[in-house]
Amino acid sequence: KDSGIGIAEDYLNEIFVPYIQEEMGYGRAYEGVGLGLPLVNQFIELNNIKISVVSKKGEGTTFTINFGMGISAAEETEKNVVADVMEQLEDHKILKVLLVEDDAANQITVQRFLGSRYSVLTADSSDAAINILEKNNIDVILMDISIKGKKNGLELTKELKESKEYSHIPIIAVTAHAFEKDKQNAFDAGCDDYISKPFTKELLLDTIAKIV
């Protein structure tokens, strides 16, 4: 809300139209090209938010942004996926996910995506991953292809799938190597599924749900 010059009533219907301003022409008093509010409106619409405006010339303008109380389609999808996972687990235990990823930012992102629904252990190298597997009962592995250590993600996957101790654990390749050949290499190494970066929270949850 402001107490500025206000917006004329006949212009209010056009404030979200690109390149339209209340004062047009070379001699207008104010800078800008008329893109600020249209951009705001597009971002708001993409997030299912509502915006309204009330203004009176010479008195000021009030913009109201309503975030609403409803559940977005993405949140509903996530709820359904989590519900499906829980139905498959007789004792409703928390699944243990091993994230093999050497990028700290990516580790944080995946941990936030999985939230409290999964117990996430992280390893930044093939050696650290083996160490965690030896000490924990892991339910699913999220495997990056480019990692530190003696082996890359594909080599580690092949080793795990050929072992007696860990061959039963589903492995999902989560990688920035996104060509079709990379995907095939992941499956050839023994990965049970494949996700290319960048990915959405919903895709990650859905893929884990299918695997478990």
N, C-alpha and C. Protein backbone atom coordinates (compact mmCIF):
# COMPACT_ATOMS: atom_id res chain seq x y z
N LYS A 1 0.86 -1.19 0.00
CA LYS A 1 0.00 0.00 0.00
C LYS A 1 0.90 1.23 0.00
N ASP A 2 0.52 2.22 -0.82
CA ASP A 2 1.28 3.46 -0.81
C ASP A 2 0.32 4.66 -0.84
N SER A 3 0.87 5.82 -0.63
CA SER A 3 0.07 7.05 -0.66
C SER A 3 0.57 7.93 -1.79
N GLY A 4 0.89 7.30 -2.93
CA GLY A 4 1.45 8.02 -4.06
C GLY A 4 0.39 8.66 -4.95
N ILE A 5 0.74 8.78 -6.25
CA ILE A 5 -0.13 9.53 -7.16
C ILE A 5 -1.35 8.75 -7.60
N GLY A 6 -1.35 7.43 -7.34
CA GLY A 6 -2.51 6.63 -7.71
C GLY A 6 -2.54 6.30 -9.20
N ILE A 7 -3.50 5.43 -9.57
CA ILE A 7 -3.65 4.99 -10.96
C ILE A 7 -5.03 5.34 -11.44
N ALA A 8 -5.13 5.90 -12.63
CA ALA A 8 -6.43 6.26 -13.19
C ALA A 8 -7.30 5.02 -13.36
N GLU A 9 -8.61 5.18 -13.13
CA GLU A 9 -9.54 4.05 -13.16
C GLU A 9 -9.58 3.36 -14.52
N ASP A 10 -9.51 4.14 -15.59
CA ASP A 10 -9.59 3.55 -16.93
C ASP A 10 -8.29 2.83 -17.33
N TYR A 11 -7.22 2.98 -16.55
CA TYR A 11 -5.96 2.31 -16.84
C TYR A 11 -5.76 1.05 -16.00
N LEU A 12 -6.55 0.88 -14.95
CA LEU A 12 -6.38 -0.26 -14.05
C LEU A 12 -6.49 -1.59 -14.77
N ASN A 13 -7.34 -1.67 -15.78
CA ASN A 13 -7.51 -2.93 -16.51
C ASN A 13 -6.32 -3.27 -17.41
N GLU A 14 -5.39 -2.33 -17.57
CA GLU A 14 -4.26 -2.55 -18.48
C GLU A 14 -2.92 -2.59 -17.77
N ILE A 15 -2.90 -2.53 -16.45
CA ILE A 15 -1.62 -2.42 -15.74
C ILE A 15 -0.77 -3.68 -15.88
N PHE A 16 -1.38 -4.83 -16.19
CA PHE A 16 -0.61 -6.07 -16.33
C PHE A 16 -0.33 -6.42 -17.79
N VAL A 17 -0.64 -5.49 -18.71
CA VAL A 17 -0.37 -5.69 -20.13
C VAL A 17 1.04 -5.21 -20.45
N PRO A 18 1.89 -6.05 -21.06
CA PRO A 18 3.27 -5.64 -21.34
C PRO A 18 3.36 -4.40 -22.22
N TYR A 19 4.33 -3.55 -21.89
CA TYR A 19 4.69 -2.35 -22.65
C TYR A 19 3.59 -1.28 -22.66
N ILE A 20 2.63 -1.40 -21.76
CA ILE A 20 1.58 -0.38 -21.65
C ILE A 20 1.79 0.39 -20.35
N GLN A 21 1.79 1.72 -20.43
CA GLN A 21 1.92 2.56 -19.25
C GLN A 21 0.86 3.65 -19.28
N GLU A 22 0.57 4.20 -18.10
CA GLU A 22 -0.46 5.22 -18.03
C GLU A 22 -0.07 6.44 -18.84
N GLU A 23 1.21 6.80 -18.80
CA GLU A 23 1.71 7.90 -19.62
C GLU A 23 2.62 7.32 -20.69
N MET A 24 2.27 7.52 -21.95
CA MET A 24 3.06 6.99 -23.06
C MET A 24 3.70 8.14 -23.82
N GLY A 25 4.67 7.80 -24.67
CA GLY A 25 5.29 8.82 -25.51
C GLY A 25 6.64 9.27 -24.98
N TYR A 26 7.39 10.01 -25.79
CA TYR A 26 8.73 10.46 -25.43
C TYR A 26 8.72 11.48 -24.30
N GLY A 27 7.63 12.21 -24.16
CA GLY A 27 7.61 13.29 -23.18
C GLY A 27 7.08 12.88 -21.82
N ARG A 28 6.90 11.56 -21.56
CA ARG A 28 6.34 11.13 -20.29
C ARG A 28 7.33 11.41 -19.16
N ALA A 29 6.80 11.55 -17.94
CA ALA A 29 7.60 12.00 -16.80
C ALA A 29 8.37 10.88 -16.11
N TYR A 30 8.01 9.60 -16.37
CA TYR A 30 8.59 8.50 -15.59
C TYR A 30 9.33 7.50 -16.47
N GLU A 31 10.35 6.85 -15.87
CA GLU A 31 11.15 5.86 -16.58
C GLU A 31 10.42 4.52 -16.65
N GLY A 32 11.05 3.56 -17.34
CA GLY A 32 10.48 2.22 -17.42
C GLY A 32 9.87 1.96 -18.79
N VAL A 33 9.65 0.67 -19.08
CA VAL A 33 9.07 0.29 -20.37
C VAL A 33 7.74 -0.44 -20.22
N GLY A 34 7.24 -0.55 -18.99
CA GLY A 34 5.96 -1.21 -18.80
C GLY A 34 6.03 -2.72 -18.70
N LEU A 35 7.13 -3.24 -18.11
CA LEU A 35 7.27 -4.69 -17.97
C LEU A 35 7.24 -5.17 -16.51
N GLY A 36 7.41 -4.26 -15.57
CA GLY A 36 7.49 -4.67 -14.16
C GLY A 36 6.27 -5.43 -13.68
N LEU A 37 5.11 -4.82 -13.76
CA LEU A 37 3.89 -5.47 -13.28
C LEU A 37 3.50 -6.68 -14.12
N PRO A 38 3.65 -6.66 -15.46
CA PRO A 38 3.37 -7.88 -16.23
C PRO A 38 4.22 -9.07 -15.79
N LEU A 39 5.51 -8.82 -15.48
CA LEU A 39 6.37 -9.91 -15.00
C LEU A 39 5.90 -10.41 -13.64
N VAL A 40 5.57 -9.49 -12.76
CA VAL A 40 5.04 -9.87 -11.44
C VAL A 40 3.80 -10.75 -11.62
N ASN A 41 2.91 -10.33 -12.50
CA ASN A 41 1.66 -11.06 -12.71
C ASN A 41 1.91 -12.47 -13.25
N GLN A 42 2.89 -12.60 -14.15
CA GLN A 42 3.19 -13.93 -14.71
C GLN A 42 3.77 -14.86 -13.65
N PHE A 43 4.67 -14.35 -12.84
CA PHE A 43 5.23 -15.18 -11.77
C PHE A 43 4.14 -15.61 -10.79
N ILE A 44 3.24 -14.70 -10.49
CA ILE A 44 2.16 -15.00 -9.56
C ILE A 44 1.23 -16.06 -10.12
N GLU A 45 0.88 -15.94 -11.39
CA GLU A 45 -0.01 -16.92 -12.02
C GLU A 45 0.64 -18.30 -12.08
N LEU A 46 1.95 -18.36 -12.33
CA LEU A 46 2.65 -19.64 -12.39
C LEU A 46 2.60 -20.37 -11.05
N ASN A 47 2.45 -19.63 -9.97
CA ASN A 47 2.41 -20.21 -8.64
C ASN A 47 1.00 -20.27 -8.05
N ASN A 48 0.00 -20.12 -8.92
CA ASN A 48 -1.41 -20.22 -8.50
C ASN A 48 -1.75 -19.23 -7.38
N ILE A 49 -1.22 -18.03 -7.50
CA ILE A 49 -1.49 -16.98 -6.53
C ILE A 49 -2.35 -15.91 -7.19
N LYS A 50 -3.14 -15.21 -6.40
CA LYS A 50 -4.02 -14.18 -6.93
C LYS A 50 -3.52 -12.79 -6.53
N ILE A 51 -3.66 -11.83 -7.46
CA ILE A 51 -3.29 -10.46 -7.15
C ILE A 51 -4.44 -9.54 -7.55
N SER A 52 -4.70 -8.56 -6.72
CA SER A 52 -5.75 -7.58 -7.03
C SER A 52 -5.24 -6.19 -6.67
N VAL A 53 -5.86 -5.17 -7.26
CA VAL A 53 -5.40 -3.81 -7.04
C VAL A 53 -6.59 -2.86 -6.90
N VAL A 54 -6.44 -1.94 -5.96
CA VAL A 54 -7.42 -0.87 -5.76
C VAL A 54 -6.64 0.44 -5.74
N SER A 55 -7.09 1.42 -6.50
CA SER A 55 -6.35 2.68 -6.56
C SER A 55 -7.29 3.85 -6.78
N LYS A 56 -6.87 4.98 -6.27
CA LYS A 56 -7.63 6.21 -6.49
C LYS A 56 -6.64 7.30 -6.84
N LYS A 57 -6.90 7.97 -7.94
CA LYS A 57 -6.00 9.00 -8.42
C LYS A 57 -5.78 10.08 -7.36
N GLY A 58 -4.51 10.36 -7.08
CA GLY A 58 -4.16 11.40 -6.11
C GLY A 58 -4.13 10.94 -4.67
N GLU A 59 -4.54 9.68 -4.41
CA GLU A 59 -4.58 9.20 -3.02
C GLU A 59 -3.67 8.00 -2.77
N GLY A 60 -3.46 7.16 -3.78
CA GLY A 60 -2.58 6.01 -3.57
C GLY A 60 -3.14 4.72 -4.12
N THR A 61 -2.36 3.66 -3.93
CA THR A 61 -2.67 2.35 -4.52
C THR A 61 -2.42 1.24 -3.51
N THR A 62 -3.29 0.23 -3.54
CA THR A 62 -3.12 -0.94 -2.68
C THR A 62 -3.13 -2.21 -3.54
N PHE A 63 -2.05 -2.97 -3.49
CA PHE A 63 -1.98 -4.28 -4.14
C PHE A 63 -2.16 -5.36 -3.07
N THR A 64 -3.00 -6.33 -3.36
CA THR A 64 -3.22 -7.45 -2.44
C THR A 64 -2.82 -8.76 -3.12
N ILE A 65 -1.94 -9.52 -2.46
CA ILE A 65 -1.51 -10.82 -2.98
C ILE A 65 -2.07 -11.89 -2.06
N ASN A 66 -2.89 -12.78 -2.63
CA ASN A 66 -3.54 -13.82 -1.86
C ASN A 66 -2.90 -15.17 -2.17
N PHE A 67 -2.18 -15.72 -1.19
CA PHE A 67 -1.51 -17.00 -1.37
C PHE A 67 -2.48 -18.17 -1.20
N GLY A 68 -3.64 -17.92 -0.64
CA GLY A 68 -4.67 -18.96 -0.53
C GLY A 68 -4.34 -19.99 0.53
N MET A 69 -5.32 -20.85 0.79
CA MET A 69 -5.16 -21.90 1.79
C MET A 69 -5.30 -23.28 1.17
N GLY A 70 -5.47 -23.37 -0.15
CA GLY A 70 -5.69 -24.65 -0.81
C GLY A 70 -4.40 -25.44 -0.96
N ILE A 71 -4.53 -26.68 -1.41
CA ILE A 71 -3.38 -27.54 -1.66
C ILE A 71 -3.10 -27.54 -3.14
N SER A 72 -1.87 -27.23 -3.52
CA SER A 72 -1.54 -27.20 -4.94
C SER A 72 -1.51 -28.60 -5.51
N ALA A 73 -1.55 -28.68 -6.84
CA ALA A 73 -1.53 -29.97 -7.50
C ALA A 73 -0.25 -30.73 -7.18
N ALA A 74 0.88 -30.00 -7.10
CA ALA A 74 2.16 -30.64 -6.79
C ALA A 74 2.14 -31.23 -5.39
N GLU A 75 1.60 -30.49 -4.42
CA GLU A 75 1.53 -30.99 -3.06
C GLU A 75 0.63 -32.21 -2.96
N GLU A 76 -0.48 -32.18 -3.72
CA GLU A 76 -1.40 -33.31 -3.72
C GLU A 76 -0.72 -34.55 -4.30
N THR A 77 0.07 -34.36 -5.37
CA THR A 77 0.81 -35.47 -5.97
C THR A 77 1.78 -36.05 -4.97
N GLU A 78 2.48 -35.17 -4.26
CA GLU A 78 3.45 -35.64 -3.27
C GLU A 78 2.76 -36.43 -2.18
N LYS A 79 1.60 -35.96 -1.72
CA LYS A 79 0.87 -36.67 -0.68
C LYS A 79 0.47 -38.06 -1.14
N ASN A 80 0.00 -38.16 -2.39
CA ASN A 80 -0.42 -39.45 -2.93
C ASN A 80 0.75 -40.41 -3.02
N VAL A 81 1.90 -39.89 -3.46
CA VAL A 81 3.09 -40.73 -3.59
C VAL A 81 3.52 -41.26 -2.24
N VAL A 82 3.58 -40.38 -1.25
CA VAL A 82 3.99 -40.80 0.09
C VAL A 82 3.00 -41.81 0.66
N ALA A 83 1.71 -41.60 0.41
CA ALA A 83 0.70 -42.53 0.89
C ALA A 83 0.89 -43.91 0.27
N ASP A 84 1.22 -43.94 -1.02
CA ASP A 84 1.46 -45.22 -1.70
C ASP A 84 2.65 -45.95 -1.09
N VAL A 85 3.70 -45.18 -0.77
CA VAL A 85 4.88 -45.79 -0.17
C VAL A 85 4.52 -46.42 1.18
N MET A 86 3.80 -45.67 1.99
CA MET A 86 3.48 -46.13 3.33
C MET A 86 2.59 -47.37 3.31
N GLU A 87 1.70 -47.45 2.33
CA GLU A 87 0.82 -48.61 2.23
C GLU A 87 1.60 -49.88 1.94
N GLN A 88 2.73 -49.74 1.24
CA GLN A 88 3.54 -50.90 0.89
C GLN A 88 4.41 -51.38 2.05
N LEU A 89 4.56 -50.57 3.06
CA LEU A 89 5.41 -50.93 4.20
C LEU A 89 4.54 -51.36 5.37
N GLU A 90 4.54 -52.64 5.67
CA GLU A 90 3.63 -53.19 6.67
C GLU A 90 3.82 -52.54 8.04
N ASP A 91 5.04 -52.29 8.41
CA ASP A 91 5.29 -51.72 9.73
C ASP A 91 5.47 -50.21 9.67
N HIS A 92 5.25 -49.60 8.50
CA HIS A 92 5.37 -48.14 8.34
C HIS A 92 6.72 -47.62 8.80
N LYS A 93 7.76 -48.38 8.54
CA LYS A 93 9.09 -47.95 8.95
C LYS A 93 9.56 -46.81 8.05
N ILE A 94 10.50 -46.04 8.54
CA ILE A 94 11.12 -44.98 7.75
C ILE A 94 12.21 -45.60 6.89
N LEU A 95 12.11 -45.42 5.59
CA LEU A 95 13.11 -45.98 4.68
C LEU A 95 14.45 -45.26 4.85
N LYS A 96 15.53 -46.02 4.74
CA LYS A 96 16.86 -45.45 4.77
C LYS A 96 17.38 -45.29 3.35
N VAL A 97 17.68 -44.06 2.99
CA VAL A 97 18.17 -43.74 1.65
C VAL A 97 19.64 -43.36 1.75
N LEU A 98 20.46 -44.00 0.93
CA LEU A 98 21.87 -43.62 0.83
C LEU A 98 22.04 -42.74 -0.40
N LEU A 99 22.42 -41.50 -0.19
CA LEU A 99 22.68 -40.56 -1.28
C LEU A 99 24.18 -40.50 -1.53
N VAL A 100 24.61 -41.00 -2.69
CA VAL A 100 26.02 -40.94 -3.06
C VAL A 100 26.19 -39.75 -3.99
N GLU A 101 26.67 -38.65 -3.44
CA GLU A 101 26.71 -37.36 -4.15
C GLU A 101 27.82 -36.52 -3.54
N ASP A 102 28.74 -36.00 -4.38
CA ASP A 102 29.87 -35.25 -3.84
C ASP A 102 29.67 -33.74 -3.86
N ASP A 103 28.52 -33.27 -4.35
CA ASP A 103 28.25 -31.84 -4.36
C ASP A 103 27.39 -31.47 -3.15
N ALA A 104 27.90 -30.58 -2.31
CA ALA A 104 27.21 -30.24 -1.06
C ALA A 104 25.84 -29.63 -1.31
N ALA A 105 25.74 -28.77 -2.32
CA ALA A 105 24.45 -28.13 -2.61
C ALA A 105 23.41 -29.17 -3.04
N ASN A 106 23.84 -30.13 -3.86
CA ASN A 106 22.93 -31.19 -4.29
C ASN A 106 22.52 -32.08 -3.11
N GLN A 107 23.43 -32.31 -2.18
CA GLN A 107 23.10 -33.08 -0.98
C GLN A 107 21.98 -32.40 -0.20
N ILE A 108 22.13 -31.10 -0.02
CA ILE A 108 21.13 -30.34 0.74
C ILE A 108 19.79 -30.36 0.03
N THR A 109 19.81 -30.21 -1.30
CA THR A 109 18.57 -30.20 -2.07
C THR A 109 17.81 -31.51 -1.93
N VAL A 110 18.50 -32.63 -2.09
CA VAL A 110 17.84 -33.94 -1.99
C VAL A 110 17.33 -34.17 -0.58
N GLN A 111 18.10 -33.79 0.42
CA GLN A 111 17.66 -33.96 1.80
C GLN A 111 16.39 -33.16 2.07
N ARG A 112 16.30 -31.96 1.51
CA ARG A 112 15.09 -31.15 1.69
C ARG A 112 13.92 -31.75 0.94
N PHE A 113 14.19 -32.28 -0.26
CA PHE A 113 13.13 -32.91 -1.04
C PHE A 113 12.54 -34.11 -0.29
N LEU A 114 13.39 -34.91 0.31
CA LEU A 114 12.91 -36.12 0.98
C LEU A 114 12.37 -35.82 2.38
N GLY A 115 12.84 -34.72 2.97
CA GLY A 115 12.29 -34.27 4.25
C GLY A 115 12.37 -35.32 5.34
N SER A 116 11.34 -35.35 6.18
CA SER A 116 11.32 -36.28 7.32
C SER A 116 10.72 -37.62 6.94
N ARG A 117 10.34 -37.78 5.67
CA ARG A 117 9.71 -39.04 5.25
C ARG A 117 10.73 -40.15 5.06
N TYR A 118 11.99 -39.77 4.89
CA TYR A 118 13.05 -40.75 4.70
C TYR A 118 14.23 -40.38 5.60
N SER A 119 14.96 -41.40 6.00
CA SER A 119 16.21 -41.17 6.71
C SER A 119 17.32 -41.17 5.67
N VAL A 120 17.98 -40.02 5.48
CA VAL A 120 18.96 -39.86 4.41
C VAL A 120 20.37 -39.86 4.97
N LEU A 121 21.19 -40.80 4.47
CA LEU A 121 22.62 -40.83 4.77
C LEU A 121 23.37 -40.43 3.52
N THR A 122 24.39 -39.61 3.65
CA THR A 122 25.10 -39.10 2.47
C THR A 122 26.54 -39.57 2.46
N ALA A 123 27.02 -39.84 1.24
CA ALA A 123 28.41 -40.21 1.02
C ALA A 123 28.91 -39.44 -0.18
N ASP A 124 30.11 -38.85 -0.07
CA ASP A 124 30.64 -38.06 -1.18
C ASP A 124 31.66 -38.82 -2.02
N SER A 125 31.85 -40.10 -1.71
CA SER A 125 32.81 -40.89 -2.47
C SER A 125 32.39 -42.36 -2.45
N SER A 126 33.00 -43.15 -3.33
CA SER A 126 32.70 -44.58 -3.36
C SER A 126 33.15 -45.26 -2.07
N ASP A 127 34.27 -44.82 -1.53
CA ASP A 127 34.77 -45.41 -0.27
C ASP A 127 33.83 -45.12 0.89
N ALA A 128 33.34 -43.88 0.97
CA ALA A 128 32.41 -43.51 2.03
C ALA A 128 31.10 -44.27 1.89
N ALA A 129 30.66 -44.51 0.65
CA ALA A 129 29.42 -45.24 0.41
C ALA A 129 29.53 -46.68 0.92
N ILE A 130 30.64 -47.35 0.63
CA ILE A 130 30.86 -48.72 1.10
C ILE A 130 30.88 -48.76 2.63
N ASN A 131 31.52 -47.77 3.23
CA ASN A 131 31.59 -47.70 4.69
C ASN A 131 30.20 -47.59 5.32
N ILE A 132 29.34 -46.77 4.72
CA ILE A 132 27.97 -46.62 5.22
C ILE A 132 27.17 -47.90 5.03
N LEU A 133 27.33 -48.54 3.88
CA LEU A 133 26.60 -49.78 3.60
C LEU A 133 26.99 -50.88 4.59
N GLU A 134 28.23 -50.90 5.00
CA GLU A 134 28.69 -51.93 5.94
C GLU A 134 28.09 -51.75 7.33
N LYS A 135 27.68 -50.53 7.65
CA LYS A 135 27.21 -50.24 9.01
C LYS A 135 25.70 -50.00 9.10
N ASN A 136 25.00 -49.96 7.94
CA ASN A 136 23.57 -49.62 7.95
C ASN A 136 22.79 -50.53 7.00
N ASN A 137 21.53 -50.73 7.32
CA ASN A 137 20.61 -51.44 6.43
C ASN A 137 19.94 -50.42 5.51
N ILE A 138 20.44 -50.31 4.30
CA ILE A 138 19.97 -49.31 3.34
C ILE A 138 18.85 -49.89 2.49
N ASP A 139 17.79 -49.10 2.27
CA ASP A 139 16.64 -49.56 1.49
C ASP A 139 16.73 -49.17 0.02
N VAL A 140 17.35 -48.03 -0.27
CA VAL A 140 17.49 -47.58 -1.66
C VAL A 140 18.69 -46.65 -1.76
N ILE A 141 19.37 -46.69 -2.90
CA ILE A 141 20.55 -45.86 -3.12
C ILE A 141 20.29 -44.88 -4.26
N LEU A 142 20.58 -43.60 -4.01
CA LEU A 142 20.57 -42.58 -5.06
C LEU A 142 22.02 -42.35 -5.47
N MET A 143 22.35 -42.73 -6.69
CA MET A 143 23.74 -42.79 -7.11
C MET A 143 24.08 -41.75 -8.18
N ASP A 144 24.97 -40.82 -7.83
CA ASP A 144 25.52 -39.92 -8.85
C ASP A 144 26.59 -40.69 -9.62
N ILE A 145 26.79 -40.34 -10.87
CA ILE A 145 27.78 -41.05 -11.69
C ILE A 145 29.19 -40.50 -11.45
N SER A 146 29.32 -39.18 -11.37
CA SER A 146 30.63 -38.56 -11.14
C SER A 146 30.83 -38.32 -9.66
N ILE A 147 31.59 -39.18 -9.02
CA ILE A 147 31.83 -39.06 -7.58
C ILE A 147 33.32 -39.23 -7.29
N LYS A 148 33.70 -38.87 -6.08
CA LYS A 148 35.09 -39.03 -5.66
C LYS A 148 35.35 -40.49 -5.28
N GLY A 149 36.61 -40.80 -5.04
CA GLY A 149 36.96 -42.13 -4.59
C GLY A 149 37.60 -42.98 -5.66
N LYS A 150 37.79 -44.25 -5.32
CA LYS A 150 38.47 -45.18 -6.23
C LYS A 150 37.61 -45.54 -7.43
N LYS A 151 36.28 -45.44 -7.29
CA LYS A 151 35.37 -45.83 -8.36
C LYS A 151 34.40 -44.71 -8.65
N ASN A 152 33.95 -44.60 -9.91
CA ASN A 152 32.87 -43.67 -10.23
C ASN A 152 31.54 -44.35 -9.90
N GLY A 153 30.44 -43.64 -10.10
CA GLY A 153 29.14 -44.16 -9.72
C GLY A 153 28.75 -45.44 -10.45
N LEU A 154 29.08 -45.53 -11.72
CA LEU A 154 28.72 -46.72 -12.49
C LEU A 154 29.56 -47.92 -12.06
N GLU A 155 30.84 -47.69 -11.80
CA GLU A 155 31.70 -48.78 -11.33
C GLU A 155 31.25 -49.28 -9.96
N LEU A 156 30.86 -48.35 -9.10
CA LEU A 156 30.38 -48.73 -7.78
C LEU A 156 29.06 -49.50 -7.88
N THR A 157 28.19 -49.04 -8.76
CA THR A 157 26.92 -49.73 -8.95
C THR A 157 27.14 -51.17 -9.41
N LYS A 158 28.01 -51.36 -10.37
CA LYS A 158 28.30 -52.70 -10.88
C LYS A 158 28.86 -53.59 -9.78
N GLU A 159 29.73 -53.04 -8.97
CA GLU A 159 30.31 -53.80 -7.86
C GLU A 159 29.23 -54.23 -6.87
N LEU A 160 28.33 -53.30 -6.53
CA LEU A 160 27.27 -53.60 -5.57
C LEU A 160 26.31 -54.65 -6.11
N LYS A 161 25.95 -54.52 -7.39
CA LYS A 161 25.00 -55.45 -7.98
C LYS A 161 25.59 -56.86 -8.15
N GLU A 162 26.91 -56.96 -8.18
CA GLU A 162 27.56 -58.26 -8.32
C GLU A 162 27.88 -58.89 -6.96
N SER A 163 27.65 -58.15 -5.89
CA SER A 163 27.97 -58.66 -4.56
C SER A 163 26.77 -59.38 -3.95
N LYS A 164 27.03 -60.29 -3.02
CA LYS A 164 25.96 -61.02 -2.33
C LYS A 164 25.27 -60.13 -1.29
N GLU A 165 26.05 -59.24 -0.69
CA GLU A 165 25.53 -58.44 0.42
C GLU A 165 24.58 -57.33 -0.03
N TYR A 166 24.85 -56.73 -1.19
CA TYR A 166 24.14 -55.50 -1.55
C TYR A 166 23.37 -55.57 -2.86
N SER A 167 23.37 -56.70 -3.53
CA SER A 167 22.73 -56.79 -4.85
C SER A 167 21.22 -56.57 -4.80
N HIS A 168 20.61 -56.76 -3.62
CA HIS A 168 19.16 -56.62 -3.49
C HIS A 168 18.72 -55.15 -3.36
N ILE A 169 19.67 -54.24 -3.11
CA ILE A 169 19.30 -52.84 -2.85
C ILE A 169 19.04 -52.13 -4.18
N PRO A 170 17.86 -51.54 -4.35
CA PRO A 170 17.58 -50.77 -5.59
C PRO A 170 18.50 -49.56 -5.69
N ILE A 171 18.97 -49.31 -6.90
CA ILE A 171 19.86 -48.16 -7.14
C ILE A 171 19.25 -47.28 -8.22
N ILE A 172 19.08 -45.99 -7.90
CA ILE A 172 18.56 -45.01 -8.85
C ILE A 172 19.71 -44.08 -9.24
N ALA A 173 20.05 -44.05 -10.51
CA ALA A 173 21.06 -43.11 -10.98
C ALA A 173 20.48 -41.70 -10.97
N VAL A 174 21.17 -40.78 -10.31
CA VAL A 174 20.75 -39.38 -10.26
C VAL A 174 21.94 -38.55 -10.74
N THR A 175 21.88 -38.08 -11.98
CA THR A 175 23.09 -37.55 -12.59
C THR A 175 22.82 -36.43 -13.59
N ALA A 176 23.83 -35.60 -13.79
CA ALA A 176 23.76 -34.54 -14.79
C ALA A 176 24.14 -35.06 -16.18
N HIS A 177 24.63 -36.29 -16.25
CA HIS A 177 24.91 -36.92 -17.54
C HIS A 177 23.59 -37.37 -18.14
N ALA A 178 23.05 -36.55 -19.05
CA ALA A 178 21.65 -36.69 -19.43
C ALA A 178 21.43 -37.17 -20.86
N PHE A 179 22.47 -37.60 -21.55
CA PHE A 179 22.26 -38.12 -22.90
C PHE A 179 21.71 -39.53 -22.84
N GLU A 180 21.11 -39.96 -23.94
CA GLU A 180 20.52 -41.30 -23.99
C GLU A 180 21.57 -42.37 -23.74
N LYS A 181 22.80 -42.13 -24.22
CA LYS A 181 23.88 -43.08 -24.00
C LYS A 181 24.21 -43.19 -22.51
N ASP A 182 24.16 -42.06 -21.81
CA ASP A 182 24.43 -42.07 -20.36
C ASP A 182 23.37 -42.88 -19.63
N LYS A 183 22.13 -42.72 -20.06
CA LYS A 183 21.03 -43.47 -19.44
C LYS A 183 21.22 -44.96 -19.65
N GLN A 184 21.59 -45.34 -20.88
CA GLN A 184 21.82 -46.75 -21.18
C GLN A 184 23.00 -47.30 -20.39
N ASN A 185 24.05 -46.51 -20.25
CA ASN A 185 25.22 -46.93 -19.46
C ASN A 185 24.83 -47.20 -18.01
N ALA A 186 23.92 -46.35 -17.49
CA ALA A 186 23.47 -46.53 -16.10
C ALA A 186 22.73 -47.86 -15.95
N PHE A 187 21.85 -48.16 -16.89
CA PHE A 187 21.11 -49.42 -16.82
C PHE A 187 22.04 -50.62 -17.05
N ASP A 188 23.00 -50.47 -17.94
CA ASP A 188 23.96 -51.54 -18.19
C ASP A 188 24.78 -51.86 -16.94
N ALA A 189 25.06 -50.82 -16.14
CA ALA A 189 25.84 -51.02 -14.92
C ALA A 189 25.02 -51.69 -13.82
N GLY A 190 23.68 -51.68 -13.98
CA GLY A 190 22.83 -52.33 -12.99
C GLY A 190 21.85 -51.44 -12.28
N CYS A 191 21.79 -50.15 -12.65
CA CYS A 191 20.84 -49.24 -12.01
C CYS A 191 19.41 -49.70 -12.31
N ASP A 192 18.55 -49.55 -11.31
CA ASP A 192 17.15 -49.96 -11.46
C ASP A 192 16.29 -48.85 -12.06
N ASP A 193 16.74 -47.61 -11.95
CA ASP A 193 16.03 -46.49 -12.56
C ASP A 193 17.02 -45.35 -12.76
N TYR A 194 16.54 -44.29 -13.41
CA TYR A 194 17.44 -43.22 -13.84
C TYR A 194 16.72 -41.88 -13.79
N ILE A 195 17.37 -40.87 -13.18
CA ILE A 195 16.84 -39.51 -13.14
C ILE A 195 17.96 -38.57 -13.57
N SER A 196 17.67 -37.68 -14.51
CA SER A 196 18.68 -36.70 -14.93
C SER A 196 18.45 -35.38 -14.20
N LYS A 197 19.55 -34.72 -13.88
CA LYS A 197 19.49 -33.40 -13.25
C LYS A 197 19.29 -32.33 -14.31
N PRO A 198 18.55 -31.26 -14.00
CA PRO A 198 17.81 -31.02 -12.76
C PRO A 198 16.50 -31.80 -12.74
N PHE A 199 16.00 -32.11 -11.56
CA PHE A 199 14.77 -32.88 -11.42
C PHE A 199 13.88 -32.22 -10.38
N THR A 200 12.61 -32.57 -10.39
CA THR A 200 11.66 -32.00 -9.44
C THR A 200 11.55 -32.89 -8.21
N LYS A 201 11.06 -32.31 -7.17
CA LYS A 201 10.80 -33.06 -5.93
C LYS A 201 9.81 -34.19 -6.20
N GLU A 202 8.79 -33.89 -7.00
CA GLU A 202 7.74 -34.87 -7.27
C GLU A 202 8.30 -36.06 -8.04
N LEU A 203 9.18 -35.80 -9.02
CA LEU A 203 9.77 -36.88 -9.80
C LEU A 203 10.62 -37.78 -8.90
N LEU A 204 11.40 -37.19 -8.00
CA LEU A 204 12.24 -37.97 -7.11
C LEU A 204 11.39 -38.85 -6.20
N LEU A 205 10.35 -38.27 -5.59
CA LEU A 205 9.48 -39.03 -4.71
C LEU A 205 8.78 -40.15 -5.45
N ASP A 206 8.33 -39.84 -6.66
CA ASP A 206 7.60 -40.83 -7.45
C ASP A 206 8.50 -41.98 -7.85
N THR A 207 9.74 -41.68 -8.22
CA THR A 207 10.68 -42.72 -8.64
C THR A 207 11.04 -43.63 -7.47
N ILE A 208 11.26 -43.05 -6.30
CA ILE A 208 11.55 -43.87 -5.11
C ILE A 208 10.35 -44.74 -4.77
N ALA A 209 9.15 -44.18 -4.89
CA ALA A 209 7.93 -44.95 -4.59
C ALA A 209 7.81 -46.15 -5.51
N LYS A 210 8.12 -45.98 -6.78
CA LYS A 210 8.05 -47.09 -7.73
C LYS A 210 9.07 -48.17 -7.38
N ILE A 211 10.27 -47.73 -6.99
CA ILE A 211 11.36 -48.66 -6.74
C ILE A 211 11.08 -49.51 -5.49
N VAL A 212 10.55 -48.89 -4.45
CA VAL A 212 10.36 -49.62 -3.19
C VAL A 212 9.04 -50.39 -3.18
